[in-house]
Amino acid sequence: MKRLKTLVSRSENFFKHADRDANEVLDFSPEATEIFLLDAVVTYEALTQEVVPILSTFKAWMFLKQPHLMSERDKEKVVDAIRQKGVNLDGVSKAEFFPVYMQAILQLGIA
């Protein structure tokens, strides 16, 4: 989660200090959109203490594709829960991931 916060704060600081650093340039990365969405999901869950299945599915996809963004504790929790149900997400495409993962978390009662 620390890596996620660092990535998000980089853009926040750029806009926050634009009046002082007029010559600074922020390199736009299309992948940043996914990072901002992930930050929104994590923040929503922290503020509301609610886990919404569709948001949880997006978060899981991001963490599987970019595991450096996830804490070790969260990684173990997700991987162990999914293994208990015998769900294999290795090699699953983005299109296949959504229905497979949603079904798994609903069966597990995670979300």
N, C-alpha and C. Protein backbone atom coordinates (compact mmCIF):
# COMPACT_ATOMS: atom_id res chain seq x y z
N MET A 1 0.81 -1.18 0.00
CA MET A 1 0.00 0.00 0.00
C MET A 1 0.86 1.26 0.00
N LYS A 2 2.06 1.18 0.55
CA LYS A 2 2.93 2.34 0.58
C LYS A 2 3.30 2.77 -0.84
N ARG A 3 3.56 1.79 -1.70
CA ARG A 3 3.90 2.08 -3.10
C ARG A 3 2.72 2.77 -3.79
N LEU A 4 1.52 2.32 -3.53
CA LEU A 4 0.32 2.93 -4.11
C LEU A 4 0.19 4.38 -3.66
N LYS A 5 0.38 4.63 -2.38
CA LYS A 5 0.27 5.99 -1.86
C LYS A 5 1.34 6.90 -2.46
N THR A 6 2.53 6.38 -2.67
CA THR A 6 3.61 7.16 -3.29
C THR A 6 3.24 7.55 -4.71
N LEU A 7 2.71 6.60 -5.48
CA LEU A 7 2.33 6.89 -6.86
C LEU A 7 1.21 7.93 -6.94
N VAL A 8 0.25 7.82 -6.05
CA VAL A 8 -0.87 8.76 -6.05
C VAL A 8 -0.41 10.14 -5.60
N SER A 9 0.41 10.19 -4.56
CA SER A 9 0.82 11.49 -4.03
C SER A 9 1.71 12.26 -4.99
N ARG A 10 2.41 11.58 -5.88
CA ARG A 10 3.25 12.26 -6.86
C ARG A 10 2.42 13.23 -7.71
N SER A 11 1.29 12.76 -8.22
CA SER A 11 0.42 13.63 -9.02
C SER A 11 -0.25 14.69 -8.15
N GLU A 12 -0.69 14.30 -6.97
CA GLU A 12 -1.33 15.26 -6.06
C GLU A 12 -0.39 16.42 -5.77
N ASN A 13 0.87 16.12 -5.47
CA ASN A 13 1.84 17.16 -5.16
C ASN A 13 2.14 18.04 -6.36
N PHE A 14 2.16 17.45 -7.54
CA PHE A 14 2.39 18.24 -8.75
C PHE A 14 1.32 19.33 -8.89
N PHE A 15 0.06 18.94 -8.74
CA PHE A 15 -1.02 19.91 -8.89
C PHE A 15 -1.09 20.87 -7.70
N LYS A 16 -0.80 20.37 -6.53
CA LYS A 16 -0.84 21.19 -5.33
C LYS A 16 0.18 22.33 -5.39
N HIS A 17 1.35 22.05 -5.94
CA HIS A 17 2.44 23.04 -5.95
C HIS A 17 2.65 23.66 -7.33
N ALA A 18 1.66 23.61 -8.18
CA ALA A 18 1.81 24.13 -9.54
C ALA A 18 2.14 25.61 -9.57
N ASP A 19 1.64 26.36 -8.60
CA ASP A 19 1.91 27.80 -8.59
C ASP A 19 3.37 28.10 -8.23
N ARG A 20 4.04 27.19 -7.54
CA ARG A 20 5.44 27.39 -7.15
C ARG A 20 6.41 26.76 -8.14
N ASP A 21 5.99 25.72 -8.81
CA ASP A 21 6.87 24.99 -9.73
C ASP A 21 6.31 25.06 -11.15
N ALA A 22 6.22 26.26 -11.67
CA ALA A 22 5.58 26.49 -12.97
C ALA A 22 6.27 25.76 -14.12
N ASN A 23 7.53 25.45 -13.98
CA ASN A 23 8.27 24.80 -15.06
C ASN A 23 8.32 23.28 -14.93
N GLU A 24 7.76 22.76 -13.86
CA GLU A 24 7.75 21.31 -13.67
C GLU A 24 6.81 20.65 -14.67
N VAL A 25 7.12 19.41 -15.01
CA VAL A 25 6.31 18.65 -15.96
C VAL A 25 5.93 17.33 -15.30
N LEU A 26 4.68 16.96 -15.45
CA LEU A 26 4.20 15.67 -14.96
C LEU A 26 4.02 14.76 -16.16
N ASP A 27 4.77 13.70 -16.19
CA ASP A 27 4.64 12.74 -17.29
C ASP A 27 3.35 11.96 -17.09
N PHE A 28 2.48 12.03 -18.10
CA PHE A 28 1.21 11.32 -18.01
C PHE A 28 1.42 9.86 -18.38
N SER A 29 0.87 9.01 -17.57
CA SER A 29 0.93 7.57 -17.83
C SER A 29 -0.50 7.05 -17.85
N PRO A 30 -0.93 6.43 -18.94
CA PRO A 30 -2.29 5.87 -18.98
C PRO A 30 -2.56 4.89 -17.84
N GLU A 31 -1.51 4.21 -17.39
CA GLU A 31 -1.67 3.26 -16.29
C GLU A 31 -2.02 3.97 -14.99
N ALA A 32 -1.74 5.28 -14.93
CA ALA A 32 -2.04 6.03 -13.72
C ALA A 32 -3.53 6.02 -13.41
N THR A 33 -4.36 5.95 -14.45
CA THR A 33 -5.81 5.91 -14.24
C THR A 33 -6.18 4.70 -13.37
N GLU A 34 -5.57 3.56 -13.66
CA GLU A 34 -5.84 2.37 -12.86
C GLU A 34 -5.38 2.57 -11.42
N ILE A 35 -4.26 3.25 -11.24
CA ILE A 35 -3.74 3.50 -9.90
C ILE A 35 -4.70 4.40 -9.13
N PHE A 36 -5.22 5.45 -9.80
CA PHE A 36 -6.17 6.34 -9.13
C PHE A 36 -7.47 5.62 -8.78
N LEU A 37 -7.93 4.74 -9.67
CA LEU A 37 -9.12 3.96 -9.37
C LEU A 37 -8.88 3.03 -8.18
N LEU A 38 -7.71 2.40 -8.16
CA LEU A 38 -7.37 1.52 -7.05
C LEU A 38 -7.32 2.31 -5.75
N ASP A 39 -6.74 3.49 -5.78
CA ASP A 39 -6.69 4.33 -4.60
C ASP A 39 -8.11 4.67 -4.12
N ALA A 40 -8.99 4.95 -5.06
CA ALA A 40 -10.38 5.27 -4.71
C ALA A 40 -11.06 4.07 -4.03
N VAL A 41 -10.82 2.87 -4.53
CA VAL A 41 -11.41 1.67 -3.94
C VAL A 41 -10.88 1.45 -2.52
N VAL A 42 -9.58 1.53 -2.37
CA VAL A 42 -8.95 1.31 -1.06
C VAL A 42 -9.44 2.37 -0.06
N THR A 43 -9.52 3.61 -0.50
CA THR A 43 -9.99 4.69 0.37
C THR A 43 -11.45 4.49 0.75
N TYR A 44 -12.27 4.12 -0.22
CA TYR A 44 -13.69 3.85 0.06
C TYR A 44 -13.83 2.77 1.13
N GLU A 45 -13.10 1.67 0.96
CA GLU A 45 -13.19 0.57 1.91
C GLU A 45 -12.72 1.00 3.30
N ALA A 46 -11.67 1.82 3.35
CA ALA A 46 -11.15 2.27 4.64
C ALA A 46 -12.14 3.20 5.34
N LEU A 47 -12.78 4.06 4.57
CA LEU A 47 -13.71 5.02 5.16
C LEU A 47 -15.03 4.38 5.59
N THR A 48 -15.53 3.45 4.79
CA THR A 48 -16.86 2.89 5.04
C THR A 48 -16.83 1.54 5.74
N GLN A 49 -15.67 0.89 5.76
CA GLN A 49 -15.56 -0.47 6.29
C GLN A 49 -16.49 -1.41 5.54
N GLU A 50 -16.76 -1.09 4.28
CA GLU A 50 -17.64 -1.90 3.43
C GLU A 50 -16.82 -2.45 2.27
N VAL A 51 -17.04 -3.71 1.96
CA VAL A 51 -16.40 -4.34 0.80
C VAL A 51 -17.48 -4.59 -0.24
N VAL A 52 -17.36 -3.93 -1.37
CA VAL A 52 -18.32 -4.07 -2.45
C VAL A 52 -17.74 -5.07 -3.46
N PRO A 53 -18.47 -6.14 -3.78
CA PRO A 53 -17.90 -7.19 -4.64
C PRO A 53 -17.26 -6.70 -5.93
N ILE A 54 -17.90 -5.81 -6.65
CA ILE A 54 -17.34 -5.38 -7.92
C ILE A 54 -16.06 -4.55 -7.71
N LEU A 55 -16.02 -3.76 -6.64
CA LEU A 55 -14.81 -3.00 -6.33
C LEU A 55 -13.70 -3.93 -5.86
N SER A 56 -14.07 -4.93 -5.08
CA SER A 56 -13.11 -5.91 -4.61
C SER A 56 -12.50 -6.68 -5.77
N THR A 57 -13.29 -6.93 -6.78
CA THR A 57 -12.81 -7.65 -7.97
C THR A 57 -11.78 -6.81 -8.72
N PHE A 58 -12.06 -5.53 -8.88
CA PHE A 58 -11.08 -4.65 -9.54
C PHE A 58 -9.79 -4.60 -8.72
N LYS A 59 -9.92 -4.46 -7.40
CA LYS A 59 -8.74 -4.41 -6.53
C LYS A 59 -7.92 -5.69 -6.66
N ALA A 60 -8.58 -6.83 -6.67
CA ALA A 60 -7.88 -8.11 -6.80
C ALA A 60 -7.15 -8.19 -8.13
N TRP A 61 -7.78 -7.75 -9.21
CA TRP A 61 -7.14 -7.78 -10.53
C TRP A 61 -5.87 -6.94 -10.51
N MET A 62 -5.98 -5.76 -9.95
CA MET A 62 -4.81 -4.88 -9.88
C MET A 62 -3.70 -5.50 -9.04
N PHE A 63 -4.05 -6.08 -7.91
CA PHE A 63 -3.04 -6.65 -7.03
C PHE A 63 -2.39 -7.89 -7.66
N LEU A 64 -3.16 -8.64 -8.43
CA LEU A 64 -2.58 -9.81 -9.10
C LEU A 64 -1.64 -9.38 -10.22
N LYS A 65 -1.99 -8.32 -10.91
CA LYS A 65 -1.17 -7.85 -12.03
C LYS A 65 -0.02 -6.96 -11.56
N GLN A 66 -0.18 -6.33 -10.40
CA GLN A 66 0.87 -5.47 -9.84
C GLN A 66 1.02 -5.76 -8.35
N PRO A 67 1.54 -6.95 -8.03
CA PRO A 67 1.58 -7.39 -6.63
C PRO A 67 2.39 -6.49 -5.70
N HIS A 68 3.28 -5.68 -6.26
CA HIS A 68 4.08 -4.79 -5.42
C HIS A 68 3.21 -3.71 -4.75
N LEU A 69 1.97 -3.55 -5.21
CA LEU A 69 1.07 -2.56 -4.62
C LEU A 69 0.34 -3.09 -3.39
N MET A 70 0.42 -4.38 -3.15
CA MET A 70 -0.36 -5.02 -2.08
C MET A 70 0.53 -5.37 -0.90
N SER A 71 0.01 -5.19 0.30
CA SER A 71 0.77 -5.58 1.49
C SER A 71 0.86 -7.10 1.56
N GLU A 72 1.88 -7.60 2.22
CA GLU A 72 2.07 -9.05 2.35
C GLU A 72 0.89 -9.69 3.08
N ARG A 73 0.38 -9.03 4.10
CA ARG A 73 -0.75 -9.56 4.88
C ARG A 73 -1.97 -9.73 3.99
N ASP A 74 -2.27 -8.71 3.18
CA ASP A 74 -3.43 -8.78 2.28
C ASP A 74 -3.23 -9.84 1.21
N LYS A 75 -2.01 -9.94 0.70
CA LYS A 75 -1.70 -10.94 -0.32
C LYS A 75 -1.99 -12.35 0.20
N GLU A 76 -1.49 -12.63 1.40
CA GLU A 76 -1.69 -13.96 2.00
C GLU A 76 -3.17 -14.24 2.22
N LYS A 77 -3.90 -13.26 2.70
CA LYS A 77 -5.33 -13.42 2.98
C LYS A 77 -6.09 -13.78 1.71
N VAL A 78 -5.85 -13.04 0.64
CA VAL A 78 -6.55 -13.27 -0.63
C VAL A 78 -6.16 -14.62 -1.22
N VAL A 79 -4.87 -14.89 -1.30
CA VAL A 79 -4.38 -16.12 -1.92
C VAL A 79 -4.88 -17.34 -1.14
N ASP A 80 -4.80 -17.30 0.18
CA ASP A 80 -5.25 -18.44 0.99
C ASP A 80 -6.75 -18.69 0.82
N ALA A 81 -7.53 -17.63 0.84
CA ALA A 81 -8.99 -17.77 0.71
C ALA A 81 -9.36 -18.38 -0.64
N ILE A 82 -8.70 -17.92 -1.67
CA ILE A 82 -9.03 -18.42 -3.02
C ILE A 82 -8.56 -19.87 -3.19
N ARG A 83 -7.41 -20.19 -2.64
CA ARG A 83 -6.91 -21.57 -2.73
C ARG A 83 -7.84 -22.55 -2.02
N GLN A 84 -8.43 -22.11 -0.91
CA GLN A 84 -9.33 -22.97 -0.15
C GLN A 84 -10.51 -23.43 -1.00
N LYS A 85 -10.92 -22.62 -1.94
CA LYS A 85 -12.03 -22.98 -2.82
C LYS A 85 -11.55 -23.67 -4.09
N GLY A 86 -10.25 -23.85 -4.21
CA GLY A 86 -9.72 -24.52 -5.39
C GLY A 86 -9.80 -23.70 -6.66
N VAL A 87 -9.87 -22.39 -6.53
CA VAL A 87 -9.94 -21.51 -7.70
C VAL A 87 -8.53 -21.21 -8.16
N ASN A 88 -8.28 -21.44 -9.45
CA ASN A 88 -6.97 -21.16 -10.03
C ASN A 88 -7.09 -19.95 -10.95
N LEU A 89 -6.39 -18.89 -10.60
CA LEU A 89 -6.43 -17.67 -11.40
C LEU A 89 -5.20 -17.49 -12.27
N ASP A 90 -4.30 -18.47 -12.25
CA ASP A 90 -3.10 -18.39 -13.09
C ASP A 90 -3.49 -18.43 -14.56
N GLY A 91 -2.99 -17.47 -15.32
CA GLY A 91 -3.23 -17.44 -16.76
C GLY A 91 -4.62 -17.03 -17.17
N VAL A 92 -5.44 -16.58 -16.22
CA VAL A 92 -6.80 -16.15 -16.55
C VAL A 92 -6.73 -14.77 -17.20
N SER A 93 -7.41 -14.62 -18.32
CA SER A 93 -7.41 -13.33 -19.01
C SER A 93 -8.26 -12.33 -18.23
N LYS A 94 -8.11 -11.07 -18.59
CA LYS A 94 -8.88 -10.02 -17.92
C LYS A 94 -10.38 -10.27 -18.07
N ALA A 95 -10.79 -10.69 -19.25
CA ALA A 95 -12.22 -10.95 -19.52
C ALA A 95 -12.72 -12.14 -18.70
N GLU A 96 -11.89 -13.15 -18.52
CA GLU A 96 -12.30 -14.34 -17.75
C GLU A 96 -12.23 -14.09 -16.25
N PHE A 97 -11.35 -13.19 -15.85
CA PHE A 97 -11.11 -12.95 -14.43
C PHE A 97 -12.36 -12.50 -13.69
N PHE A 98 -13.08 -11.56 -14.27
CA PHE A 98 -14.23 -10.97 -13.58
C PHE A 98 -15.24 -12.03 -13.12
N PRO A 99 -15.79 -12.85 -14.03
CA PRO A 99 -16.79 -13.82 -13.55
C PRO A 99 -16.20 -14.89 -12.62
N VAL A 100 -14.97 -15.33 -12.88
CA VAL A 100 -14.35 -16.36 -12.04
C VAL A 100 -14.13 -15.83 -10.62
N TYR A 101 -13.55 -14.64 -10.52
CA TYR A 101 -13.25 -14.08 -9.21
C TYR A 101 -14.52 -13.70 -8.45
N MET A 102 -15.46 -13.08 -9.15
CA MET A 102 -16.72 -12.69 -8.49
C MET A 102 -17.40 -13.92 -7.89
N GLN A 103 -17.45 -14.99 -8.64
CA GLN A 103 -18.07 -16.22 -8.14
C GLN A 103 -17.31 -16.74 -6.92
N ALA A 104 -15.98 -16.69 -6.98
CA ALA A 104 -15.17 -17.19 -5.87
C ALA A 104 -15.40 -16.37 -4.60
N ILE A 105 -15.38 -15.04 -4.71
CA ILE A 105 -15.53 -14.24 -3.49
C ILE A 105 -16.95 -14.32 -2.92
N LEU A 106 -17.92 -14.50 -3.78
CA LEU A 106 -19.29 -14.65 -3.28
C LEU A 106 -19.43 -15.98 -2.54
N GLN A 107 -18.80 -17.03 -3.09
CA GLN A 107 -18.84 -18.35 -2.42
C GLN A 107 -18.10 -18.31 -1.09
N LEU A 108 -17.00 -17.56 -1.05
CA LEU A 108 -16.20 -17.49 0.15
C LEU A 108 -16.77 -16.55 1.20
N GLY A 109 -17.69 -15.71 0.77
CA GLY A 109 -18.24 -14.73 1.70
C GLY A 109 -17.29 -13.60 2.00
N ILE A 110 -16.31 -13.39 1.11
CA ILE A 110 -15.33 -12.33 1.31
C ILE A 110 -15.96 -10.97 1.11
N ALA A 111 -16.82 -10.88 0.14
CA ALA A 111 -17.40 -9.57 -0.18
C ALA A 111 -18.87 -9.57 0.14
